[in-house]
C-alpha atoms as a PDB file:
ATOM      1  CA  MET A   1     148.620  30.782 -33.167  1.00  0.00           C
ATOM      2  CA  ILE A   2     148.919  34.454 -32.244  1.00  0.00           C
ATOM      3  CA  ALA A   3     148.773  35.905 -28.737  1.00  0.00           C
ATOM      4  CA  PHE A   4     147.410  39.450 -28.688  1.00  0.00           C
ATOM      5  CA  GLY A   5     148.364  41.713 -25.806  1.00  0.00           C
ATOM      6  CA  GLN A   6     150.823  43.727 -23.743  1.00  0.00           C
ATOM      7  CA  LEU A   7     154.471  42.828 -23.129  1.00  0.00           C
ATOM      8  CA  PHE A   8     155.961  43.037 -19.641  1.00  0.00           C
ATOM      9  CA  LEU A   9     159.447  43.076 -18.185  1.00  0.00           C
ATOM     10  CA  GLU A  10     159.253  41.258 -14.850  1.00  0.00           C
ATOM     11  CA  LEU A  11     161.594  41.919 -11.931  1.00  0.00           C
ATOM     12  CA  VAL A  12     160.879  38.977  -9.665  1.00  0.00           C
ATOM     13  CA  PHE A  13     162.002  38.838  -6.048  1.00  0.00           C
ATOM     14  CA  GLY A  14     162.005  35.579  -4.103  1.00  0.00           C
ATOM     15  CA  HIS A  15     160.299  34.877  -0.799  1.00  0.00           C
ATOM     16  CA  VAL A  16     160.098  37.664   1.758  1.00  0.00           C
ATOM     17  CA  PRO A  17     158.574  37.241   5.224  1.00  0.00           C
ATOM     18  CA  ARG A  18     156.180  40.152   4.673  1.00  0.00           C
ATOM     19  CA  LEU A  19     155.703  43.226   2.534  1.00  0.00           C
ATOM     20  CA  PRO A  20     157.767  46.268   3.544  1.00  0.00           C
ATOM     21  CA  GLY A  21     156.121  49.124   5.383  1.00  0.00           C
ATOM     22  CA  PRO A  22     156.658  52.829   4.558  1.00  0.00           C
ATOM     23  CA  GLY A  23     160.360  53.663   4.577  1.00  0.00           C
ATOM     24  CA  GLU A  24     161.306  50.032   5.242  1.00  0.00           C
ATOM     25  CA  GLU A  25     163.692  47.809   3.284  1.00  0.00           C
ATOM     26  CA  ILE A  26     163.400  44.028   3.085  1.00  0.00           C
ATOM     27  CA  PHE A  27     165.988  41.728   1.518  1.00  0.00           C
ATOM     28  CA  THR A  28     165.570  38.488  -0.405  1.00  0.00           C
ATOM     29  CA  ASP A  29     168.163  35.931  -1.461  1.00  0.00           C
ATOM     30  CA  GLU A  30     166.616  35.241  -4.876  1.00  0.00           C
ATOM     31  CA  PHE A  31     165.973  37.500  -7.860  1.00  0.00           C
ATOM     32  CA  ALA A  32     165.361  36.972 -11.561  1.00  0.00           C
ATOM     33  CA  ILE A  33     164.609  38.992 -14.675  1.00  0.00           C
ATOM     34  CA  SER A  34     161.813  37.561 -16.797  1.00  0.00           C
ATOM     35  CA  CYS A  35     159.200  38.688 -19.288  1.00  0.00           C
ATOM     36  CA  GLY A  36     155.483  38.139 -19.363  1.00  0.00           C
ATOM     37  CA  GLY A  37     152.163  38.996 -20.965  1.00  0.00           C
ATOM     38  CA  SER A  38     151.651  37.790 -24.523  1.00  0.00           C
ATOM     39  CA  VAL A  39     155.222  36.436 -24.565  1.00  0.00           C
ATOM     40  CA  THR A  40     154.319  33.906 -21.856  1.00  0.00           C
ATOM     41  CA  ILE A  41     151.374  32.637 -23.903  1.00  0.00           C
ATOM     42  CA  ALA A  42     153.412  32.261 -27.083  1.00  0.00           C
ATOM     43  CA  ASP A  43     156.345  30.721 -25.212  1.00  0.00           C
ATOM     44  CA  ALA A  44     154.127  28.032 -23.679  1.00  0.00           C
ATOM     45  CA  ALA A  45     152.445  27.315 -27.015  1.00  0.00           C
ATOM     46  CA  ARG A  46     155.865  27.064 -28.655  1.00  0.00           C
ATOM     47  CA  SER A  47     156.938  24.520 -26.036  1.00  0.00           C
ATOM     48  CA  THR A  48     154.305  22.124 -27.412  1.00  0.00           C
ATOM     49  CA  GLY A  49     155.851  22.339 -30.882  1.00  0.00           C
ATOM     50  CA  ALA A  50     153.198  24.680 -32.284  1.00  0.00           C
ATOM     51  CA  SER A  51     154.019  27.717 -34.397  1.00  0.00           C
ATOM     52  CA  ALA A  52     153.392  30.762 -32.232  1.00  0.00           C
ATOM     53  CA  GLY A  53     153.657  34.515 -32.549  1.00  0.00           C
ATOM     54  CA  ILE A  54     152.813  37.670 -30.633  1.00  0.00           C
ATOM     55  CA  CYS A  55     150.909  40.772 -31.693  1.00  0.00           C
ATOM     56  CA  ALA A  56     152.225  43.569 -29.492  1.00  0.00           C
ATOM     57  CA  LEU A  57     154.171  46.818 -29.466  1.00  0.00           C
ATOM     58  CA  LEU A  58     157.958  46.753 -29.426  1.00  0.00           C
ATOM     59  CA  GLY A  59     159.501  50.004 -28.251  1.00  0.00           C
ATOM     60  CA  GLU A  60     163.006  51.254 -27.585  1.00  0.00           C
ATOM     61  CA  ASP A  61     162.930  50.337 -23.888  1.00  0.00           C
ATOM     62  CA  LEU A  62     164.722  47.547 -22.057  1.00  0.00           C
ATOM     63  CA  GLY A  63     161.556  45.478 -21.608  1.00  0.00           C
ATOM     64  CA  SER A  64     160.948  45.397 -25.355  1.00  0.00           C
ATOM     65  CA  ARG A  65     164.562  44.417 -26.004  1.00  0.00           C
ATOM     66  CA  VAL A  66     164.430  41.595 -23.455  1.00  0.00           C
ATOM     67  CA  ALA A  67     161.118  40.279 -24.835  1.00  0.00           C
ATOM     68  CA  GLU A  68     162.357  40.473 -28.421  1.00  0.00           C
ATOM     69  CA  GLN A  69     165.568  38.614 -27.610  1.00  0.00           C
ATOM     70  CA  HIS A  70     163.627  35.887 -25.797  1.00  0.00           C
ATOM     71  CA  CYS A  71     161.234  35.501 -28.731  1.00  0.00           C
ATOM     72  CA  VAL A  72     164.129  35.209 -31.177  1.00  0.00           C
ATOM     73  CA  ASP A  73     165.791  32.593 -28.969  1.00  0.00           C
ATOM     74  CA  ARG A  74     162.568  30.585 -28.716  1.00  0.00           C
ATOM     75  CA  GLY A  75     161.519  30.842 -32.367  1.00  0.00           C
ATOM     76  CA  ILE A  76     158.444  32.977 -31.620  1.00  0.00           C
ATOM     77  CA  ASP A  77     157.215  34.896 -34.660  1.00  0.00           C
ATOM     78  CA  LEU A  78     157.474  38.694 -34.343  1.00  0.00           C
ATOM     79  CA  GLY A  79     155.909  39.471 -37.724  1.00  0.00           C
ATOM     80  CA  ALA A  80     152.718  40.875 -36.182  1.00  0.00           C
ATOM     81  CA  THR A  81     154.513  43.242 -33.793  1.00  0.00           C
ATOM     82  CA  ARG A  82     154.653  46.982 -34.393  1.00  0.00           C
ATOM     83  CA  ARG A  83     157.779  49.065 -33.806  1.00  0.00           C
ATOM     84  CA  VAL A  84     157.185  52.316 -31.942  1.00  0.00           C
ATOM     85  CA  ALA A  85     159.346  55.108 -30.554  1.00  0.00           C
ATOM     86  CA  GLY A  86     159.904  55.382 -26.819  1.00  0.00           C
ATOM     87  CA  SER A  87     158.759  52.912 -24.184  1.00  0.00           C
ATOM     88  CA  SER A  88     156.014  50.343 -24.723  1.00  0.00           C
ATOM     89  CA  ALA A  89     156.606  47.346 -22.433  1.00  0.00           C
ATOM     90  CA  GLY A  90     155.067  47.321 -18.992  1.00  0.00           C
ATOM     91  CA  ILE A  91     157.302  46.975 -15.942  1.00  0.00           C
ATOM     92  CA  THR A  92     156.160  44.636 -13.154  1.00  0.00           C
ATOM     93  CA  VAL A  93     157.856  44.155  -9.801  1.00  0.00           C
ATOM     94  CA  VAL A  94     156.871  40.835  -8.226  1.00  0.00           C
ATOM     95  CA  LEU A  95     157.253  40.139  -4.492  1.00  0.00           C
ATOM     96  CA  ASN A  96     156.672  36.577  -3.334  1.00  0.00           C
ATOM     97  CA  PHE A  97     155.401  36.144   0.223  1.00  0.00           C
ATOM     98  CA  ASP A  98     153.082  33.929   2.251  1.00  0.00           C
ATOM     99  CA  GLY A  99     152.685  31.464  -0.624  1.00  0.00           C
ATOM    100  CA  GLU A 100     151.415  34.188  -2.956  1.00  0.00           C
ATOM    101  CA  ARG A 101     152.791  37.179  -4.826  1.00  0.00           C
ATOM    102  CA  SER A 102     152.041  40.876  -5.086  1.00  0.00           C
ATOM    103  CA  PHE A 103     152.649  43.171  -8.024  1.00  0.00           C
ATOM    104  CA  VAL A 104     153.588  46.782  -8.634  1.00  0.00           C
ATOM    105  CA  THR A 105     153.138  47.577 -12.330  1.00  0.00           C
ATOM    106  CA  HIS A 106     153.624  50.521 -14.652  1.00  0.00           C
ATOM    107  CA  VAL A 107     152.384  50.541 -18.252  1.00  0.00           C
ATOM    108  CA  PRO A 108     153.705  53.448 -20.348  1.00  0.00           C
ATOM    109  CA  PRO A 109     150.899  55.552 -21.849  1.00  0.00           C
ATOM    110  CA  ARG A 110     150.669  55.693 -25.616  1.00  0.00           C
ATOM    111  CA  PRO A 111     150.774  59.035 -27.458  1.00  0.00           C
ATOM    112  CA  ALA A 112     147.471  60.698 -28.316  1.00  0.00           C
ATOM    113  CA  GLY A 113     146.451  60.097 -31.898  1.00  0.00           C
ATOM    114  CA  GLU A 114     148.274  56.783 -32.245  1.00  0.00           C
ATOM    115  CA  VAL A 115     146.269  53.992 -33.865  1.00  0.00           C
ATOM    116  CA  PRO A 116     144.848  51.881 -30.998  1.00  0.00           C
ATOM    117  CA  GLU A 117     146.215  48.350 -30.794  1.00  0.00           C
ATOM    118  CA  LEU A 118     142.739  46.842 -30.836  1.00  0.00           C
ATOM    119  CA  GLU A 119     142.081  48.509 -34.185  1.00  0.00           C
ATOM    120  CA  ARG A 120     145.372  47.183 -35.567  1.00  0.00           C
ATOM    121  CA  TRP A 121     144.555  43.657 -34.389  1.00  0.00           C
ATOM    122  CA  HIS A 122     141.717  43.484 -36.928  1.00  0.00           C
ATOM    123  CA  ALA A 123     144.185  44.092 -39.744  1.00  0.00           C
ATOM    124  CA  VAL A 124     146.541  41.443 -38.329  1.00  0.00           C
ATOM    125  CA  LEU A 125     143.732  38.882 -38.301  1.00  0.00           C
ATOM    126  CA  ASP A 126     142.860  39.704 -41.897  1.00  0.00           C
ATOM    127  CA  GLU A 127     146.472  39.350 -43.006  1.00  0.00           C
ATOM    128  CA  VAL A 128     147.685  36.364 -40.972  1.00  0.00           C
ATOM    129  CA  ARG A 129     144.463  34.352 -40.484  1.00  0.00           C
ATOM    130  CA  PRO A 130     145.899  32.156 -37.722  1.00  0.00           C
ATOM    131  CA  ALA A 131     144.269  28.865 -36.816  1.00  0.00           C
ATOM    132  CA  TRP A 132     143.935  30.083 -33.199  1.00  0.00           C
ATOM    133  CA  CYS A 133     144.336  33.362 -31.383  1.00  0.00           C
ATOM    134  CA  TYR A 134     144.543  34.205 -27.686  1.00  0.00           C
ATOM    135  CA  VAL A 135     143.102  37.445 -26.347  1.00  0.00           C
ATOM    136  CA  HIS A 136     141.757  38.974 -23.129  1.00  0.00           C
ATOM    137  CA  ALA A 137     138.080  39.870 -22.807  1.00  0.00           C
ATOM    138  CA  GLY A 138     137.144  43.528 -22.532  1.00  0.00           C
ATOM    139  CA  ARG A 139     135.444  46.501 -24.104  1.00  0.00           C
ATOM    140  CA  GLY A 140     135.586  46.481 -27.879  1.00  0.00           C
ATOM    141  CA  VAL A 141     137.033  42.966 -28.080  1.00  0.00           C
ATOM    142  CA  ALA A 142     133.728  41.380 -29.147  1.00  0.00           C
ATOM    143  CA  ASP A 143     134.043  42.893 -32.639  1.00  0.00           C
ATOM    144  CA  LEU A 144     137.517  41.373 -32.950  1.00  0.00           C
ATOM    145  CA  LEU A 145     136.121  37.969 -31.993  1.00  0.00           C
ATOM    146  CA  ARG A 146     133.350  38.272 -34.559  1.00  0.00           C
ATOM    147  CA  ARG A 147     135.993  39.045 -37.153  1.00  0.00           C
ATOM    148  CA  ALA A 148     137.990  36.000 -36.075  1.00  0.00           C
ATOM    149  CA  ARG A 149     134.944  33.770 -36.396  1.00  0.00           C
ATOM    150  CA  SER A 150     134.230  35.086 -39.892  1.00  0.00           C
ATOM    151  CA  LEU A 151     137.796  34.185 -40.914  1.00  0.00           C
ATOM    152  CA  GLY A 152     137.698  30.703 -39.393  1.00  0.00           C
ATOM    153  CA  THR A 153     140.150  31.620 -36.605  1.00  0.00           C
ATOM    154  CA  ARG A 154     139.325  29.956 -33.313  1.00  0.00           C
ATOM    155  CA  VAL A 155     139.517  31.963 -30.099  1.00  0.00           C
ATOM    156  CA  ALA A 156     140.949  31.173 -26.664  1.00  0.00           C
ATOM    157  CA  LEU A 157     139.603  33.857 -24.322  1.00  0.00           C
ATOM    158  CA  ASP A 158     141.099  34.854 -20.983  1.00  0.00           C
ATOM    159  CA  LEU A 159     140.565  37.610 -18.422  1.00  0.00           C
ATOM    160  CA  SER A 160     142.898  40.392 -17.374  1.00  0.00           C
ATOM    161  CA  PHE A 161     143.063  41.963 -13.931  1.00  0.00           C
ATOM    162  CA  GLY A 162     140.075  44.255 -13.386  1.00  0.00           C
ATOM    163  CA  SER A 163     138.248  43.402 -16.608  1.00  0.00           C
ATOM    164  CA  ILE A 164     135.202  42.128 -14.717  1.00  0.00           C
ATOM    165  CA  GLU A 165     134.952  45.284 -12.629  1.00  0.00           C
ATOM    166  CA  ARG A 166     135.469  47.555 -15.647  1.00  0.00           C
ATOM    167  CA  ASP A 167     132.760  45.971 -17.800  1.00  0.00           C
ATOM    168  CA  ARG A 168     131.245  42.660 -16.779  1.00  0.00           C
ATOM    169  CA  ASP A 169     128.769  42.680 -19.671  1.00  0.00           C
ATOM    170  CA  ALA A 170     131.607  43.009 -22.193  1.00  0.00           C
ATOM    171  CA  VAL A 171     133.327  39.967 -20.678  1.00  0.00           C
ATOM    172  CA  VAL A 172     130.145  37.899 -20.894  1.00  0.00           C
ATOM    173  CA  GLU A 173     129.608  38.984 -24.504  1.00  0.00           C
ATOM    174  CA  CYS A 174     133.174  37.982 -25.385  1.00  0.00           C
ATOM    175  CA  ALA A 175     132.746  34.604 -23.674  1.00  0.00           C
ATOM    176  CA  GLY A 176     129.800  33.884 -25.955  1.00  0.00           C
ATOM    177  CA  LEU A 177     131.981  34.497 -29.012  1.00  0.00           C
ATOM    178  CA  SER A 178     134.938  32.366 -27.902  1.00  0.00           C
ATOM    179  CA  ASP A 179     135.725  28.743 -28.634  1.00  0.00           C
ATOM    180  CA  VAL A 180     137.392  28.152 -25.254  1.00  0.00           C
ATOM    181  CA  PHE A 181     136.869  30.421 -22.233  1.00  0.00           C
ATOM    182  CA  LEU A 182     139.684  30.219 -19.651  1.00  0.00           C
ATOM    183  CA  PRO A 183     138.868  31.910 -16.309  1.00  0.00           C
ATOM    184  CA  ASN A 184     140.355  30.765 -13.038  1.00  0.00           C
ATOM    185  CA  GLU A 185     138.130  29.750 -10.153  1.00  0.00           C
ATOM    186  CA  ALA A 186     138.195  33.138  -8.390  1.00  0.00           C
ATOM    187  CA  GLU A 187     137.526  35.063 -11.607  1.00  0.00           C
ATOM    188  CA  LEU A 188     134.598  32.807 -12.459  1.00  0.00           C
ATOM    189  CA  ALA A 189     133.039  33.384  -9.031  1.00  0.00           C
ATOM    190  CA  ARG A 190     133.290  37.177  -9.455  1.00  0.00           C
ATOM    191  CA  LEU A 191     131.990  37.060 -13.009  1.00  0.00           C
ATOM    192  CA  THR A 192     128.938  34.901 -12.251  1.00  0.00           C
ATOM    193  CA  THR A 193     128.281  36.355  -8.752  1.00  0.00           C
ATOM    194  CA  THR A 194     127.468  32.854  -7.519  1.00  0.00           C
ATOM    195  CA  ALA A 195     128.122  31.197  -4.163  1.00  0.00           C
ATOM    196  CA  SER A 196     129.622  27.886  -5.330  1.00  0.00           C
ATOM    197  CA  LEU A 197     131.849  26.575  -8.085  1.00  0.00           C
ATOM    198  CA  ASP A 198     129.164  24.178  -9.310  1.00  0.00           C
ATOM    199  CA  GLU A 199     126.669  26.999  -9.689  1.00  0.00           C
ATOM    200  CA  ALA A 200     129.248  29.247 -11.359  1.00  0.00           C
ATOM    201  CA  VAL A 201     130.080  26.536 -13.900  1.00  0.00           C
ATOM    202  CA  ARG A 202     126.400  25.962 -14.672  1.00  0.00           C
ATOM    203  CA  VAL A 203     125.924  29.664 -15.366  1.00  0.00           C
ATOM    204  CA  ALA A 204     129.078  30.245 -17.419  1.00  0.00           C
ATOM    205  CA  SER A 205     128.816  27.029 -19.436  1.00  0.00           C
ATOM    206  CA  ARG A 206     125.661  28.441 -21.032  1.00  0.00           C
ATOM    207  CA  TRP A 207     127.706  31.275 -22.534  1.00  0.00           C
ATOM    208  CA  CYS A 208     130.360  29.404 -24.487  1.00  0.00           C
ATOM    209  CA  PRO A 209     131.017  26.101 -26.290  1.00  0.00           C
ATOM    210  CA  ALA A 210     133.811  25.100 -23.902  1.00  0.00           C
ATOM    211  CA  LEU A 211     134.617  26.406 -20.415  1.00  0.00           C
ATOM    212  CA  VAL A 212     137.956  25.567 -18.791  1.00  0.00           C
ATOM    213  CA  VAL A 213     138.306  26.685 -15.169  1.00  0.00           C
ATOM    214  CA  THR A 214     141.845  26.549 -13.787  1.00  0.00           C
ATOM    215  CA  ARG A 215     142.178  25.486 -10.140  1.00  0.00           C
ATOM    216  CA  GLY A 216     145.921  25.572  -9.453  1.00  0.00           C
ATOM    217  CA  PRO A 217     147.112  22.311  -7.883  1.00  0.00           C
ATOM    218  CA  GLY A 218     143.577  20.965  -8.316  1.00  0.00           C
ATOM    219  CA  GLY A 219     144.010  20.877 -12.083  1.00  0.00           C
ATOM    220  CA  ALA A 220     141.167  22.216 -14.210  1.00  0.00           C
ATOM    221  CA  LEU A 221     137.456  21.726 -14.611  1.00  0.00           C
ATOM    222  CA  VAL A 222     136.135  21.387 -18.169  1.00  0.00           C
ATOM    223  CA  ALA A 223     132.494  21.997 -19.087  1.00  0.00           C
ATOM    224  CA  GLY A 224     131.223  21.375 -22.598  1.00  0.00           C
ATOM    225  CA  PRO A 225     128.700  19.457 -24.689  1.00  0.00           C
ATOM    226  CA  ASP A 226     129.839  16.167 -23.104  1.00  0.00           C
ATOM    227  CA  GLY A 227     129.285  17.350 -19.548  1.00  0.00           C
ATOM    228  CA  ILE A 228     131.625  18.430 -16.759  1.00  0.00           C
ATOM    229  CA  THR A 229     135.006  16.783 -16.201  1.00  0.00           C
ATOM    230  CA  THR A 230     137.771  17.431 -13.684  1.00  0.00           C
ATOM    231  CA  VAL A 231     141.200  16.992 -15.262  1.00  0.00           C
ATOM    232  CA  THR A 232     144.181  16.427 -12.964  1.00  0.00           C
ATOM    233  CA  ASP A 233     146.400  14.647 -15.495  1.00  0.00           C
ATOM    234  CA  GLY A 234     149.584  16.613 -16.002  1.00  0.00           C
ATOM    235  CA  VAL A 235     149.574  18.208 -12.557  1.00  0.00           C
ATOM    236  CA  ARG A 236     152.956  17.816 -10.864  1.00  0.00           C
ATOM    237  CA  HIS A 237     153.883  18.479  -7.261  1.00  0.00           C
ATOM    238  CA  VAL A 238     156.778  20.926  -7.349  1.00  0.00           C
ATOM    239  CA  GLU A 239     158.332  23.384  -4.953  1.00  0.00           C
ATOM    240  CA  VAL A 240     156.410  26.605  -5.466  1.00  0.00           C
ATOM    241  CA  ARG A 241     158.877  29.436  -6.085  1.00  0.00           C
ATOM    242  CA  ASP A 242     156.688  31.964  -7.904  1.00  0.00           C
ATOM    243  CA  ARG A 243     153.111  31.702  -9.182  1.00  0.00           C
ATOM    244  CA  THR A 244     153.601  34.475 -11.755  1.00  0.00           C
ATOM    245  CA  GLY A 245     152.619  33.315 -15.233  1.00  0.00           C
ATOM    246  CA  ALA A 246     151.217  29.930 -14.206  1.00  0.00           C
ATOM    247  CA  GLY A 247     147.791  30.676 -15.660  1.00  0.00           C
ATOM    248  CA  ASP A 248     149.265  32.105 -18.859  1.00  0.00           C
ATOM    249  CA  SER A 249     151.559  29.091 -19.224  1.00  0.00           C
ATOM    250  CA  PHE A 250     148.544  26.805 -18.802  1.00  0.00           C
ATOM    251  CA  ALA A 251     146.596  28.723 -21.445  1.00  0.00           C
ATOM    252  CA  GLY A 252     149.441  28.912 -23.953  1.00  0.00           C
ATOM    253  CA  ALA A 253     150.260  25.225 -23.703  1.00  0.00           C
ATOM    254  CA  LEU A 254     146.574  24.312 -23.988  1.00  0.00           C
ATOM    255  CA  VAL A 255     146.215  26.365 -27.171  1.00  0.00           C
ATOM    256  CA  GLY A 256     149.453  24.936 -28.553  1.00  0.00           C
ATOM    257  CA  ALA A 257     148.124  21.414 -28.021  1.00  0.00           C
ATOM    258  CA  LEU A 258     144.824  22.339 -29.709  1.00  0.00           C
ATOM    259  CA  VAL A 259     146.753  23.749 -32.676  1.00  0.00           C
ATOM    260  CA  GLY A 260     148.475  20.367 -32.901  1.00  0.00           C
ATOM    261  CA  GLY A 261     145.119  18.612 -33.095  1.00  0.00           C
ATOM    262  CA  ALA A 262     144.749  17.346 -29.521  1.00  0.00           C
ATOM    263  CA  PRO A 263     141.211  16.909 -28.157  1.00  0.00           C
ATOM    264  CA  LEU A 264     140.269  19.392 -25.434  1.00  0.00           C
ATOM    265  CA  LEU A 265     140.724  17.110 -22.405  1.00  0.00           C
ATOM    266  CA  GLU A 266     144.172  16.087 -23.616  1.00  0.00           C
ATOM    267  CA  ALA A 267     145.057  19.724 -24.246  1.00  0.00           C
ATOM    268  CA  VAL A 268     143.992  20.610 -20.701  1.00  0.00           C
ATOM    269  CA  ALA A 269     146.375  17.953 -19.344  1.00  0.00           C
ATOM    270  CA  VAL A 270     149.183  19.569 -21.370  1.00  0.00           C
ATOM    271  CA  GLY A 271     148.173  22.896 -19.853  1.00  0.00           C
ATOM    272  CA  ASN A 272     148.248  21.402 -16.354  1.00  0.00           C
ATOM    273  CA  ALA A 273     151.828  20.248 -16.883  1.00  0.00           C
ATOM    274  CA  ALA A 274     152.884  23.686 -18.129  1.00  0.00           C
ATOM    275  CA  GLY A 275     151.228  25.404 -15.180  1.00  0.00           C
ATOM    276  CA  SER A 276     152.956  23.063 -12.732  1.00  0.00           C
ATOM    277  CA  ALA A 277     156.330  23.750 -14.321  1.00  0.00           C
ATOM    278  CA  ALA A 278     155.703  27.510 -14.216  1.00  0.00           C
ATOM    279  CA  VAL A 279     155.347  27.730 -10.431  1.00  0.00           C
ATOM    280  CA  GLY A 280     158.754  26.098 -10.013  1.00  0.00           C
ATOM    281  CA  ARG A 281     160.567  28.991 -11.739  1.00  0.00           C
ATOM    282  CA  PHE A 282     160.698  32.757 -11.479  1.00  0.00           C
ATOM    283  CA  GLY A 283     158.620  34.907 -13.821  1.00  0.00           C
ATOM    284  CA  GLY A 284     156.309  34.207 -16.715  1.00  0.00           C
ATOM    285  CA  VAL A 285     158.893  32.405 -18.857  1.00  0.00           C
ATOM    286  CA  GLY A 286     161.567  31.776 -16.227  1.00  0.00           C
ATOM    287  CA  GLU A 287     164.841  33.654 -15.912  1.00  0.00           C
ATOM    288  CA  VAL A 288     165.794  35.185 -19.242  1.00  0.00           C
ATOM    289  CA  ARG A 289     169.070  36.158 -20.818  1.00  0.00           C
ATOM    290  CA  VAL A 290     169.510  39.931 -20.818  1.00  0.00           C
ATOM    291  CA  GLU A 291     171.866  40.631 -23.721  1.00  0.00           C
ATOM    292  CA  GLY A 292     174.798  42.763 -22.584  1.00  0.00           C
ATOM    293  CA  LEU A 293     173.257  43.376 -19.165  1.00  0.00           C
ATOM    294  CA  THR A 294     173.158  40.080 -17.311  1.00  0.00           C
ATOM    295  CA  GLY A 295     176.579  40.434 -15.749  1.00  0.00           C
ATOM    296  CA  ALA A 296     175.956  44.041 -14.811  1.00  0.00           C
ATOM    297  CA  ALA A 297     172.588  43.170 -13.360  1.00  0.00           C
ATOM    298  CA  ARG A 298     174.084  40.537 -11.102  1.00  0.00           C
ATOM    299  CA  ALA A 299     177.005  42.748 -10.105  1.00  0.00           C
ATOM    300  CA  SER A 300     175.153  46.001  -9.528  1.00  0.00           C
ATOM    301  CA  GLY A 301     171.454  46.289  -8.848  1.00  0.00           C
ATOM    302  CA  GLY A 302     171.810  50.071  -8.971  1.00  0.00           C
ATOM    303  CA  ALA A 303     173.295  50.093 -12.475  1.00  0.00           C
ATOM    304  CA  PHE A 304     170.608  47.732 -13.717  1.00  0.00           C
ATOM    305  CA  LEU A 305     167.860  49.826 -12.138  1.00  0.00           C
ATOM    306  CA  HIS A 306     169.282  52.905 -13.818  1.00  0.00           C
ATOM    307  CA  GLN A 307     169.031  51.234 -17.235  1.00  0.00           C
ATOM    308  CA  VAL A 308     165.487  50.055 -16.578  1.00  0.00           C
ATOM    309  CA  MET A 309     164.226  53.398 -15.323  1.00  0.00           C
ATOM    310  CA  GLY A 310     166.229  55.355 -17.872  1.00  0.00           C
ATOM    311  CA  SER A 311     164.465  53.504 -20.645  1.00  0.00           C
ATOM    312  CA  HIS A 312     161.160  54.640 -19.118  1.00  0.00           C
ATOM    313  CA  GLY A 313     162.054  58.293 -18.937  1.00  0.00           C
ATOM    314  CA  PHE A 314     163.397  58.435 -15.352  1.00  0.00           C
ATOM    315  CA  ASP A 315     166.238  60.932 -15.056  1.00  0.00           C
ATOM    316  CA  GLY A 316     166.348  61.552 -11.302  1.00  0.00           C
ATOM    317  CA  SER A 317     169.109  60.558  -8.941  1.00  0.00           C
ATOM    318  CA  TYR A 318     169.151  57.493  -6.715  1.00  0.00           C
ATOM    319  CA  GLU A 319     171.418  55.809  -4.214  1.00  0.00           C
ATOM    320  CA  THR A 320     172.392  52.182  -4.053  1.00  0.00           C
ATOM    321  CA  LYS A 321     172.343  50.320  -0.746  1.00  0.00           C
ATOM    322  CA  GLU A 322     176.132  50.601  -0.577  1.00  0.00           C
ATOM    323  CA  GLN A 323     176.021  54.373  -1.125  1.00  0.00           C
ATOM    324  CA  ARG A 324     173.456  54.841   1.641  1.00  0.00           C
ATOM    325  CA  ARG A 325     175.791  53.073   4.016  1.00  0.00           C
END
């Protein structure tokens, strides 16, 4: 399988009592470096024993280096990636509080005139012809899904933040071209503009062959030709440390199980287990090894921040906490 999409370097901070106000500093005892986006999907699929790769940009920035090293360590295929100059990976700061998490994210803009990734994805499909692919719904994606169908590649479709607000009709069109549509409960409610989960499922299940609605600790609801089934197998009660990447881990493991020939309900149970495991660790794939930087990162947050921001074009000055004192 191939996961199409953006790479992210995640800087994940543990529980804080509240978000900081303007000019305020809040401390946390836990911190981890992780990576997310398409890497999380492929990592979870790989954990099921399936062959998995990513189709993304790899730049010269720290986030790309961390993601690439993790993929090499995990046996994730990088053959469909494209090497580019400068920065390409997004940077996400995650703050965990009140049982949830908030994000601050920057995605480096691509140079004008560069071939759009969506256009390149068509060529990757033609060349690789994977059994399954994972992609987010959005404008222009429907043509990619039609191409996948013509090649015999099956499609697991997800949503990205804001895709419903940007173009709801495009999301609905993509859902109709997918083999498995994977919204969470809140996304499905917004997409269908319905008042109840039952009504939302009835509406959305008309669009696609199989609808899988993730519900966190409640497992997942599956709607298809055989009716509607709630699947809680695989759900584990764990200490919730960070919810980042739980949905992506669910989706990746589900697709990996489908690649291995599992029926859908069994694959959903595999996804439930992966989602449960994800909330017990920090970041999309858990804490990652940062080659040549891990010791420095633990010893000096300022030095690590300098390397992160330097790779994204930041050349201003800053002070560490110790220097301010």
